[in-house]
Amino acid sequence: QGWTVADTLRFTQAIAGVDTYLEQPVQTTAELARVRACCALPIMMDEGARDVPDILAALTLGTVDAINIKPTRVGGLTKAARIRDLAQASGLKIVLDEPQGADLATAALAQLAATLEPRHFLGTGCFMGPHMPFTYAKAGPPGPGPRFDDGILRWGDVPGLGADVDQDRLGPPVFQLTR
């Protein structure tokens, strides 16, 4: 979302012939429509995709070919699943991403990714494993949740997110609901 339409068009000319997606280069759906009118690259909506009306507006203008769904940004897994359903029904490619949350986010993304029709799946982020400086997992052998195996994210056969969370790493609750 950091470029103007002019910057975006200059960039697309500079990378002519590169097989890639153009991810939300401008701020508004109206600006995306201006880019679409001059650009043959597939366009991915990212920061502008906060809820169903945002996606419907982009679809109405014909400005989007793919969507990057970030569950935290859209309000959780249930809302992300609604957006997934709309995106699939509209023929969009889907990336699932969650730059915050380490292995808990990866566990949620893995489950959401498993619900996608393969022809709509473009990719997902994985924020776990030995390369991550922070984890919510308990120390010791890997738990039942998602894990990397030869570069492939594998999922355990357990209910819920499957992450074996070290509750002490989460710290004290911010608030508690009681009756």
Protein backbone atom coordinates (compact mmCIF):
# COMPACT_ATOMS: atom_id res chain seq x y z
CA GLN A 1 0.00 0.00 0.00
CA GLY A 2 2.98 2.31 -0.12
CA TRP A 3 3.02 3.29 -3.79
CA THR A 4 1.08 5.67 -5.96
CA VAL A 5 -0.59 4.42 -9.12
CA ALA A 6 2.24 6.03 -11.13
CA ASP A 7 4.93 4.26 -9.05
CA THR A 8 3.11 0.97 -9.50
CA LEU A 9 2.81 1.33 -13.25
CA ARG A 10 6.51 2.19 -13.57
CA PHE A 11 7.36 -0.90 -11.48
CA THR A 12 5.19 -3.19 -13.58
CA GLN A 13 6.92 -1.92 -16.72
CA ALA A 14 10.33 -2.56 -15.14
CA ILE A 15 9.47 -6.19 -14.33
CA ALA A 16 7.74 -6.97 -17.63
CA GLY A 17 8.05 -10.69 -18.30
CA VAL A 18 8.41 -11.71 -14.65
CA ASP A 19 5.86 -14.32 -13.55
CA THR A 20 4.60 -12.89 -10.26
CA TYR A 21 1.64 -11.42 -8.41
CA LEU A 22 1.40 -7.72 -7.63
CA GLU A 23 0.52 -7.52 -3.93
CA GLN A 24 -1.57 -4.49 -2.86
CA PRO A 25 0.79 -1.81 -4.15
CA VAL A 26 -1.70 1.06 -3.64
CA GLN A 27 -4.05 2.02 -0.83
CA THR A 28 -7.57 2.00 -2.18
CA THR A 29 -9.75 -0.27 -4.28
CA ALA A 30 -10.29 2.65 -6.69
CA GLU A 31 -6.52 2.92 -7.16
CA LEU A 32 -6.33 -0.86 -7.70
CA ALA A 33 -8.90 -0.42 -10.48
CA ARG A 34 -6.66 2.19 -12.14
CA VAL A 35 -3.69 -0.18 -11.91
CA ARG A 36 -5.77 -3.07 -13.26
CA ALA A 37 -6.71 -1.04 -16.33
CA CYS A 38 -3.02 -0.80 -17.32
CA CYS A 39 -1.49 -3.95 -15.83
CA ALA A 40 -1.58 -7.55 -17.02
CA LEU A 41 -0.07 -8.98 -13.81
CA PRO A 42 -2.43 -10.74 -11.41
CA ILE A 43 -3.20 -8.51 -8.45
CA MET A 44 -3.35 -9.75 -4.85
CA MET A 45 -5.40 -7.84 -2.31
CA ASP A 46 -3.75 -7.76 1.12
CA GLU A 47 -4.13 -4.91 3.61
CA GLY A 48 -7.31 -3.75 1.89
CA ALA A 49 -9.03 -7.09 2.59
CA ARG A 50 -10.37 -6.57 6.10
CA ASP A 51 -13.91 -7.88 5.66
CA VAL A 52 -16.42 -9.27 3.18
CA PRO A 53 -17.55 -5.82 1.89
CA ASP A 54 -13.90 -4.96 1.03
CA ILE A 55 -13.58 -8.08 -1.09
CA LEU A 56 -17.00 -7.61 -2.70
CA ALA A 57 -16.03 -4.06 -3.69
CA ALA A 58 -12.80 -5.30 -5.31
CA LEU A 59 -14.63 -8.12 -7.08
CA THR A 60 -17.27 -5.70 -8.38
CA LEU A 61 -14.56 -3.54 -9.91
CA GLY A 62 -12.67 -6.58 -11.21
CA THR A 63 -9.45 -5.48 -9.51
CA VAL A 64 -8.36 -8.62 -7.70
CA ASP A 65 -7.14 -12.09 -8.72
CA ALA A 66 -5.86 -13.29 -5.36
CA ILE A 67 -6.22 -12.45 -1.70
CA ASN A 68 -3.91 -12.62 1.31
CA ILE A 69 -6.04 -13.55 4.32
CA LYS A 70 -4.56 -12.71 7.72
CA PRO A 71 -6.88 -14.10 10.44
CA THR A 72 -5.83 -11.57 13.09
CA ARG A 73 -6.42 -8.64 10.72
CA VAL A 74 -9.89 -9.86 9.70
CA GLY A 75 -11.06 -10.71 13.24
CA GLY A 76 -10.22 -14.37 13.79
CA LEU A 77 -10.59 -17.78 12.19
CA THR A 78 -14.38 -17.67 11.78
CA LYS A 79 -14.25 -14.41 9.81
CA ALA A 80 -11.21 -15.66 7.87
CA ALA A 81 -13.24 -18.76 6.92
CA ARG A 82 -16.07 -16.55 5.61
CA ILE A 83 -13.61 -14.61 3.48
CA ARG A 84 -12.07 -17.92 2.32
CA ASP A 85 -15.51 -19.10 1.20
CA LEU A 86 -16.18 -15.88 -0.72
CA ALA A 87 -12.73 -15.97 -2.31
CA GLN A 88 -13.09 -19.57 -3.45
CA ALA A 89 -16.62 -19.00 -4.76
CA SER A 90 -15.27 -16.03 -6.72
CA GLY A 91 -12.38 -17.99 -8.22
CA LEU A 92 -9.61 -16.16 -6.36
CA LYS A 93 -6.23 -17.61 -5.41
CA ILE A 94 -5.58 -17.52 -1.65
CA VAL A 95 -2.52 -16.92 0.50
CA LEU A 96 -2.87 -17.44 4.24
CA ASP A 97 -0.48 -15.41 6.33
CA GLU A 98 -0.11 -14.29 9.92
CA PRO A 99 3.10 -12.42 10.69
CA GLN A 100 2.48 -12.50 14.45
CA GLY A 101 1.94 -15.44 16.76
CA ALA A 102 4.79 -17.88 15.98
CA ASP A 103 3.77 -21.53 16.25
CA LEU A 104 0.23 -20.73 17.43
CA ALA A 105 -0.37 -18.73 14.25
CA THR A 106 1.17 -21.51 12.16
CA ALA A 107 -1.14 -24.06 13.79
CA ALA A 108 -4.19 -21.96 12.89
CA LEU A 109 -2.92 -21.31 9.35
CA ALA A 110 -2.24 -25.00 8.79
CA GLN A 111 -5.80 -25.90 9.72
CA LEU A 112 -7.28 -23.14 7.58
CA ALA A 113 -5.03 -24.11 4.65
CA ALA A 114 -6.25 -27.70 4.91
CA THR A 115 -9.78 -26.46 4.15
CA LEU A 116 -8.85 -24.80 0.86
CA GLU A 117 -9.62 -26.33 -2.48
CA PRO A 118 -6.17 -27.08 -3.95
CA ARG A 119 -6.78 -25.04 -7.11
CA HIS A 120 -7.28 -21.92 -4.96
CA PHE A 121 -4.29 -22.46 -2.67
CA LEU A 122 -1.34 -20.19 -3.45
CA GLY A 123 0.66 -20.50 -0.21
CA THR A 124 0.87 -19.95 3.52
CA GLY A 125 3.31 -18.54 6.04
CA CYS A 126 4.94 -20.81 8.61
CA PHE A 127 6.36 -19.17 11.71
CA MET A 128 7.77 -22.02 13.76
CA GLY A 129 10.70 -24.35 14.10
CA PRO A 130 14.34 -23.92 15.08
CA HIS A 131 14.74 -20.75 12.99
CA MET A 132 12.12 -18.90 15.06
CA PRO A 133 13.59 -17.01 18.03
CA PHE A 134 10.29 -17.23 19.95
CA THR A 135 7.92 -20.11 20.52
CA TYR A 136 4.92 -20.85 22.70
CA ALA A 137 5.68 -24.59 22.66
CA LYS A 138 6.76 -26.52 25.73
CA ALA A 139 10.41 -27.49 25.90
CA GLY A 140 11.30 -31.05 24.95
CA PRO A 141 10.31 -33.27 22.04
CA PRO A 142 7.84 -31.84 19.51
CA GLY A 143 4.22 -31.88 20.57
CA PRO A 144 1.23 -33.16 18.59
CA GLY A 145 0.68 -30.01 16.55
CA PRO A 146 2.16 -28.88 13.25
CA ARG A 147 5.82 -29.63 12.51
CA PHE A 148 8.23 -29.38 9.63
CA ASP A 149 9.29 -32.64 8.03
CA ASP A 150 11.66 -32.41 5.04
CA GLY A 151 10.41 -28.90 4.22
CA ILE A 152 6.74 -29.90 4.41
CA LEU A 153 4.39 -28.68 7.12
CA ARG A 154 2.78 -31.77 8.62
CA TRP A 155 -0.21 -31.81 10.94
CA GLY A 156 -0.80 -34.13 13.89
CA ASP A 157 -4.07 -35.95 14.35
CA VAL A 158 -5.27 -34.09 17.45
CA PRO A 159 -8.27 -31.85 18.19
CA GLY A 160 -8.07 -28.08 18.32
CA LEU A 161 -4.98 -26.26 17.13
CA GLY A 162 -2.83 -29.13 18.39
CA ALA A 163 -0.16 -26.80 19.74
CA ASP A 164 1.35 -27.98 23.03
CA VAL A 165 1.45 -24.53 24.65
CA ASP A 166 3.67 -23.58 27.57
CA GLN A 167 1.14 -21.48 29.51
CA ASP A 168 3.94 -19.66 31.38
CA ARG A 169 5.19 -18.18 28.10
CA LEU A 170 1.83 -16.51 27.56
CA GLY A 171 2.10 -14.62 30.83
CA PRO A 172 -0.79 -13.56 33.03
CA PRO A 173 -4.19 -13.01 31.41
CA VAL A 174 -4.97 -9.49 30.28
CA PHE A 175 -8.55 -9.95 31.53
CA GLN A 176 -10.83 -12.74 32.77
CA LEU A 177 -14.54 -13.29 32.26
CA THR A 178 -16.47 -14.62 35.23
CA ARG A 179 -20.11 -15.06 36.12
